[in-house]
């Protein structure tokens, strides 16, 4: 009888140890998958930032090319060009992680264009 109880206890301990091992392995796999997903999200966010900067550059160049195909550029248009370039610089500074500099440039832009 004692031997049967000891055998049952030994079997139960083995099953618990096996369950703990499998649970730990599954948890480790889930953590690895979550970390990989997080890395992909970060890479995707970086691509979005890059594309945003590139789109801003493209729009700026497109606006400039449209403006200079014709005659004399009016003062308001020159201000628009300057504003577009400053926005592009702001986006680039933010993309590079220079948020304080981008904020300072934004304040300068607001002061310049407030005076018109």
N, C-alpha and C. Protein backbone atom coordinates (compact mmCIF):
# COMPACT_ATOMS: atom_id res chain seq x y z
N UNK A 1 0.82 -1.19 0.00
CA UNK A 1 0.00 0.00 0.00
C UNK A 1 0.87 1.26 0.00
N UNK A 2 1.92 1.26 0.84
CA UNK A 2 2.81 2.41 0.92
C UNK A 2 3.53 2.59 -0.41
N UNK A 3 3.91 1.48 -1.00
CA UNK A 3 4.61 1.54 -2.29
C UNK A 3 3.70 2.14 -3.37
N UNK A 4 2.43 1.79 -3.36
CA UNK A 4 1.48 2.32 -4.33
C UNK A 4 1.31 3.82 -4.16
N UNK A 5 1.23 4.28 -2.93
CA UNK A 5 1.11 5.71 -2.65
C UNK A 5 2.38 6.43 -3.10
N UNK A 6 3.53 5.84 -2.81
CA UNK A 6 4.80 6.44 -3.23
C UNK A 6 4.90 6.50 -4.75
N UNK A 7 4.48 5.43 -5.40
CA UNK A 7 4.48 5.42 -6.87
C UNK A 7 3.54 6.49 -7.43
N UNK A 8 2.35 6.57 -6.85
CA UNK A 8 1.39 7.58 -7.29
C UNK A 8 1.93 8.99 -7.08
N UNK A 9 2.56 9.19 -5.92
CA UNK A 9 3.15 10.50 -5.62
C UNK A 9 4.28 10.82 -6.59
N UNK A 10 5.10 9.84 -6.90
CA UNK A 10 6.20 10.03 -7.84
C UNK A 10 5.66 10.35 -9.24
N UNK A 11 4.63 9.64 -9.65
CA UNK A 11 4.02 9.91 -10.97
C UNK A 11 3.43 11.32 -11.00
N UNK A 12 2.75 11.70 -9.92
CA UNK A 12 2.16 13.05 -9.85
C UNK A 12 3.25 14.12 -9.90
N UNK A 13 4.34 13.91 -9.17
CA UNK A 13 5.44 14.87 -9.19
C UNK A 13 6.05 14.99 -10.58
N UNK A 14 6.18 13.86 -11.26
CA UNK A 14 6.71 13.88 -12.64
C UNK A 14 5.78 14.66 -13.57
N UNK A 15 4.47 14.42 -13.41
CA UNK A 15 3.50 15.13 -14.26
C UNK A 15 3.52 16.64 -13.98
N UNK A 16 3.63 17.01 -12.71
CA UNK A 16 3.69 18.43 -12.35
C UNK A 16 4.96 19.06 -12.92
N UNK A 17 6.09 18.36 -12.80
CA UNK A 17 7.35 18.88 -13.34
C UNK A 17 7.27 19.03 -14.86
N UNK A 18 6.66 18.02 -15.51
CA UNK A 18 6.50 18.08 -16.97
C UNK A 18 5.59 19.26 -17.36
N UNK A 19 4.50 19.43 -16.61
CA UNK A 19 3.58 20.54 -16.89
C UNK A 19 4.27 21.89 -16.70
N UNK A 20 5.04 22.03 -15.62
CA UNK A 20 5.77 23.28 -15.38
C UNK A 20 6.75 23.56 -16.51
N UNK A 21 7.46 22.51 -16.95
CA UNK A 21 8.43 22.68 -18.03
C UNK A 21 7.72 23.11 -19.32
N UNK A 22 6.63 22.43 -19.67
CA UNK A 22 5.89 22.77 -20.88
C UNK A 22 5.31 24.18 -20.79
N UNK A 23 4.78 24.53 -19.62
CA UNK A 23 4.22 25.87 -19.43
C UNK A 23 5.28 26.94 -19.59
N UNK A 24 6.45 26.69 -19.01
CA UNK A 24 7.55 27.65 -19.12
C UNK A 24 7.99 27.79 -20.57
N UNK A 25 8.08 26.66 -21.28
CA UNK A 25 8.47 26.71 -22.69
C UNK A 25 7.45 27.49 -23.52
N UNK A 26 6.16 27.22 -23.28
CA UNK A 26 5.11 27.94 -24.02
C UNK A 26 5.14 29.43 -23.70
N UNK A 27 5.35 29.76 -22.43
CA UNK A 27 5.43 31.16 -22.04
C UNK A 27 6.62 31.84 -22.71
N UNK A 28 7.76 31.15 -22.74
CA UNK A 28 8.94 31.69 -23.42
C UNK A 28 8.67 31.92 -24.90
N UNK A 29 7.97 30.97 -25.54
CA UNK A 29 7.63 31.13 -26.95
C UNK A 29 6.71 32.33 -27.17
N UNK A 30 5.74 32.50 -26.27
CA UNK A 30 4.82 33.64 -26.39
C UNK A 30 5.57 34.95 -26.21
N UNK A 31 6.51 34.98 -25.28
CA UNK A 31 7.31 36.19 -25.06
C UNK A 31 8.14 36.49 -26.29
N UNK A 32 8.76 35.47 -26.88
CA UNK A 32 9.56 35.67 -28.09
C UNK A 32 8.69 36.21 -29.23
N UNK A 33 7.49 35.66 -29.39
CA UNK A 33 6.59 36.13 -30.44
C UNK A 33 6.18 37.58 -30.19
N UNK A 34 5.90 37.91 -28.94
CA UNK A 34 5.51 39.28 -28.60
C UNK A 34 6.66 40.25 -28.87
N UNK A 35 7.88 39.84 -28.52
CA UNK A 35 9.04 40.70 -28.78
C UNK A 35 9.26 40.88 -30.27
N UNK A 36 9.09 39.80 -31.04
CA UNK A 36 9.24 39.90 -32.50
C UNK A 36 8.17 40.82 -33.08
N UNK A 37 6.95 40.71 -32.58
CA UNK A 37 5.87 41.58 -33.06
C UNK A 37 6.16 43.03 -32.70
N UNK A 38 6.69 43.26 -31.51
CA UNK A 38 7.03 44.62 -31.09
C UNK A 38 8.11 45.21 -31.98
N UNK A 39 9.10 44.39 -32.33
CA UNK A 39 10.17 44.85 -33.23
C UNK A 39 9.58 45.22 -34.58
N UNK A 40 8.66 44.39 -35.09
CA UNK A 40 8.03 44.69 -36.38
C UNK A 40 7.21 45.98 -36.31
N UNK A 41 6.54 46.20 -35.19
CA UNK A 41 5.76 47.44 -35.02
C UNK A 41 6.69 48.64 -35.03
N UNK A 42 7.80 48.55 -34.32
CA UNK A 42 8.77 49.65 -34.28
C UNK A 42 9.33 49.92 -35.67
N UNK A 43 9.67 48.86 -36.40
CA UNK A 43 10.18 49.03 -37.76
C UNK A 43 9.13 49.68 -38.65
N UNK A 44 7.87 49.29 -38.49
CA UNK A 44 6.78 49.86 -39.28
C UNK A 44 6.61 51.35 -38.96
N UNK A 45 6.67 51.70 -37.67
CA UNK A 45 6.56 53.11 -37.28
C UNK A 45 7.70 53.93 -37.87
N UNK A 46 8.92 53.36 -37.90
CA UNK A 46 10.05 54.06 -38.50
C UNK A 46 9.83 54.27 -39.99
N UNK A 47 9.28 53.26 -40.67
CA UNK A 47 8.99 53.41 -42.10
C UNK A 47 7.95 54.49 -42.33
N UNK A 48 6.93 54.53 -41.48
CA UNK A 48 5.90 55.56 -41.61
C UNK A 48 6.52 56.94 -41.46
N UNK A 49 7.40 57.11 -40.48
CA UNK A 49 8.07 58.40 -40.28
C UNK A 49 8.90 58.78 -41.49
N UNK A 50 9.64 57.80 -42.03
CA UNK A 50 10.45 58.06 -43.22
C UNK A 50 9.57 58.46 -44.40
N UNK A 51 8.49 57.72 -44.60
CA UNK A 51 7.60 58.03 -45.73
C UNK A 51 6.94 59.39 -45.56
N UNK A 52 6.64 59.75 -44.32
CA UNK A 52 6.03 61.06 -44.06
C UNK A 52 7.00 62.17 -44.45
N UNK A 53 8.26 62.01 -44.07
CA UNK A 53 9.27 63.00 -44.45
C UNK A 53 9.44 63.04 -45.96
N UNK A 54 9.51 61.85 -46.58
CA UNK A 54 9.67 61.80 -48.04
C UNK A 54 8.47 62.41 -48.75
N UNK A 55 7.27 62.18 -48.23
CA UNK A 55 6.08 62.76 -48.83
C UNK A 55 6.11 64.28 -48.70
N UNK A 56 6.54 64.78 -47.54
CA UNK A 56 6.67 66.22 -47.36
C UNK A 56 7.68 66.81 -48.33
N UNK A 57 8.78 66.11 -48.53
CA UNK A 57 9.78 66.59 -49.49
C UNK A 57 9.21 66.60 -50.90
N UNK A 58 8.49 65.55 -51.25
CA UNK A 58 7.91 65.46 -52.59
C UNK A 58 6.91 66.59 -52.81
N UNK A 59 6.04 66.82 -51.82
CA UNK A 59 5.04 67.89 -51.96
C UNK A 59 5.72 69.25 -52.08
N UNK A 60 6.77 69.46 -51.31
CA UNK A 60 7.49 70.74 -51.39
C UNK A 60 8.09 70.93 -52.77
N UNK A 61 8.74 69.90 -53.28
CA UNK A 61 9.33 70.00 -54.62
C UNK A 61 8.27 70.18 -55.68
N UNK A 62 7.16 69.49 -55.53
CA UNK A 62 6.06 69.62 -56.48
C UNK A 62 5.53 71.05 -56.49
N UNK A 63 5.33 71.62 -55.30
CA UNK A 63 4.84 73.00 -55.21
C UNK A 63 5.84 73.98 -55.81
N UNK A 64 7.12 73.77 -55.51
CA UNK A 64 8.14 74.67 -56.06
C UNK A 64 8.19 74.59 -57.58
N UNK A 65 8.12 73.39 -58.13
CA UNK A 65 8.19 73.25 -59.59
C UNK A 65 6.98 73.89 -60.25
N UNK A 66 5.82 73.78 -59.65
CA UNK A 66 4.62 74.41 -60.21
C UNK A 66 4.77 75.93 -60.21
N UNK A 67 5.35 76.45 -59.14
CA UNK A 67 5.46 77.90 -59.00
C UNK A 67 6.45 78.52 -59.98
N UNK A 68 7.55 77.83 -60.21
CA UNK A 68 8.61 78.43 -61.02
C UNK A 68 8.48 78.14 -62.51
N UNK A 69 7.40 77.51 -62.93
CA UNK A 69 7.19 77.28 -64.36
C UNK A 69 6.63 78.52 -65.04
N UNK A 70 6.14 79.44 -64.27
CA UNK A 70 5.48 80.61 -64.85
C UNK A 70 6.25 81.89 -64.65
N UNK A 71 5.50 82.94 -64.36
CA UNK A 71 6.04 84.28 -64.27
C UNK A 71 6.56 84.62 -62.86
N UNK A 72 6.64 85.92 -62.59
CA UNK A 72 7.13 86.45 -61.31
C UNK A 72 6.34 85.82 -60.15
N UNK A 73 7.05 85.48 -59.10
CA UNK A 73 6.41 84.85 -57.96
C UNK A 73 5.91 85.93 -57.00
N UNK A 74 4.60 85.95 -56.72
CA UNK A 74 4.05 86.96 -55.80
C UNK A 74 4.57 86.76 -54.37
N UNK A 75 4.48 87.83 -53.56
CA UNK A 75 5.00 87.79 -52.19
C UNK A 75 4.32 86.70 -51.37
N UNK A 76 3.02 86.58 -51.50
CA UNK A 76 2.29 85.55 -50.75
C UNK A 76 2.77 84.15 -51.10
N UNK A 77 3.09 83.96 -52.36
CA UNK A 77 3.59 82.66 -52.81
C UNK A 77 4.97 82.40 -52.24
N UNK A 78 5.79 83.44 -52.18
CA UNK A 78 7.12 83.28 -51.58
C UNK A 78 6.99 82.88 -50.11
N UNK A 79 6.03 83.51 -49.41
CA UNK A 79 5.81 83.15 -48.01
C UNK A 79 5.34 81.70 -47.90
N UNK A 80 4.50 81.28 -48.84
CA UNK A 80 4.04 79.89 -48.84
C UNK A 80 5.21 78.93 -49.06
N UNK A 81 6.10 79.29 -49.96
CA UNK A 81 7.29 78.46 -50.21
C UNK A 81 8.13 78.37 -48.95
N UNK A 82 8.37 79.52 -48.31
CA UNK A 82 9.17 79.52 -47.08
C UNK A 82 8.50 78.68 -46.00
N UNK A 83 7.19 78.82 -45.88
CA UNK A 83 6.45 78.06 -44.88
C UNK A 83 6.56 76.56 -45.14
N UNK A 84 6.43 76.17 -46.41
CA UNK A 84 6.53 74.76 -46.78
C UNK A 84 7.91 74.21 -46.46
N UNK A 85 8.93 74.97 -46.78
CA UNK A 85 10.30 74.54 -46.50
C UNK A 85 10.53 74.41 -45.00
N UNK A 86 10.00 75.37 -44.23
CA UNK A 86 10.17 75.30 -42.78
C UNK A 86 9.42 74.10 -42.19
N UNK A 87 8.24 73.80 -42.72
CA UNK A 87 7.52 72.62 -42.26
C UNK A 87 8.30 71.35 -42.57
N UNK A 88 8.90 71.32 -43.74
CA UNK A 88 9.72 70.17 -44.12
C UNK A 88 10.90 70.02 -43.16
N UNK A 89 11.53 71.14 -42.84
CA UNK A 89 12.64 71.10 -41.88
C UNK A 89 12.17 70.63 -40.51
N UNK A 90 10.99 71.11 -40.08
CA UNK A 90 10.43 70.67 -38.81
C UNK A 90 10.23 69.16 -38.79
N UNK A 91 9.61 68.63 -39.85
CA UNK A 91 9.37 67.19 -39.95
C UNK A 91 10.68 66.42 -39.92
N UNK A 92 11.68 66.93 -40.62
CA UNK A 92 12.98 66.26 -40.67
C UNK A 92 13.63 66.26 -39.29
N UNK A 93 13.57 67.39 -38.60
CA UNK A 93 14.13 67.46 -37.25
C UNK A 93 13.42 66.49 -36.31
N UNK A 94 12.10 66.44 -36.38
CA UNK A 94 11.35 65.49 -35.55
C UNK A 94 11.73 64.06 -35.88
N UNK A 95 11.87 63.77 -37.16
CA UNK A 95 12.23 62.42 -37.59
C UNK A 95 13.60 62.03 -37.04
N UNK A 96 14.51 62.99 -37.00
CA UNK A 96 15.86 62.72 -36.49
C UNK A 96 15.92 62.73 -34.96
N UNK A 97 14.77 62.98 -34.32
CA UNK A 97 14.73 62.96 -32.86
C UNK A 97 15.11 64.28 -32.22
N UNK A 98 15.21 65.33 -33.01
CA UNK A 98 15.58 66.65 -32.49
C UNK A 98 14.31 67.46 -32.25
N UNK A 99 13.51 67.00 -31.29
CA UNK A 99 12.19 67.58 -31.06
C UNK A 99 12.27 69.02 -30.54
N UNK A 100 13.24 69.32 -29.68
CA UNK A 100 13.37 70.69 -29.16
C UNK A 100 13.69 71.67 -30.29
N UNK A 101 14.58 71.26 -31.18
CA UNK A 101 14.94 72.12 -32.31
C UNK A 101 13.75 72.32 -33.25
N UNK A 102 12.98 71.25 -33.45
CA UNK A 102 11.79 71.35 -34.30
C UNK A 102 10.77 72.30 -33.68
N UNK A 103 10.61 72.21 -32.37
CA UNK A 103 9.68 73.11 -31.68
C UNK A 103 10.13 74.56 -31.80
N UNK A 104 11.43 74.79 -31.64
CA UNK A 104 11.97 76.15 -31.78
C UNK A 104 11.76 76.68 -33.19
N UNK A 105 11.99 75.84 -34.19
CA UNK A 105 11.77 76.26 -35.58
C UNK A 105 10.29 76.57 -35.82
N UNK A 106 9.41 75.78 -35.23
CA UNK A 106 7.97 76.04 -35.36
C UNK A 106 7.59 77.38 -34.78
N UNK A 107 8.21 77.74 -33.64
CA UNK A 107 7.93 79.05 -33.03
C UNK A 107 8.42 80.18 -33.92
N UNK A 108 9.61 80.00 -34.50
CA UNK A 108 10.15 81.01 -35.42
C UNK A 108 9.20 81.17 -36.60
N UNK A 109 8.75 80.05 -37.15
CA UNK A 109 7.84 80.09 -38.30
C UNK A 109 6.57 80.85 -37.94
N UNK A 110 6.02 80.57 -36.77
CA UNK A 110 4.78 81.25 -36.35
C UNK A 110 5.02 82.75 -36.21
N UNK A 111 6.16 83.15 -35.66
CA UNK A 111 6.46 84.57 -35.51
C UNK A 111 6.63 85.25 -36.86
N UNK A 112 7.32 84.60 -37.78
CA UNK A 112 7.56 85.19 -39.09
C UNK A 112 6.25 85.37 -39.84
N UNK A 113 5.41 84.35 -39.83
CA UNK A 113 4.20 84.41 -40.64
C UNK A 113 3.06 85.14 -39.95
N UNK A 114 3.19 85.37 -38.67
CA UNK A 114 2.20 86.19 -37.98
C UNK A 114 2.34 87.64 -38.45
N UNK A 115 3.61 88.04 -38.68
CA UNK A 115 3.88 89.40 -39.17
C UNK A 115 3.53 89.54 -40.64
N UNK A 116 3.58 88.39 -41.36
CA UNK A 116 3.16 88.35 -42.76
C UNK A 116 4.07 89.03 -43.68
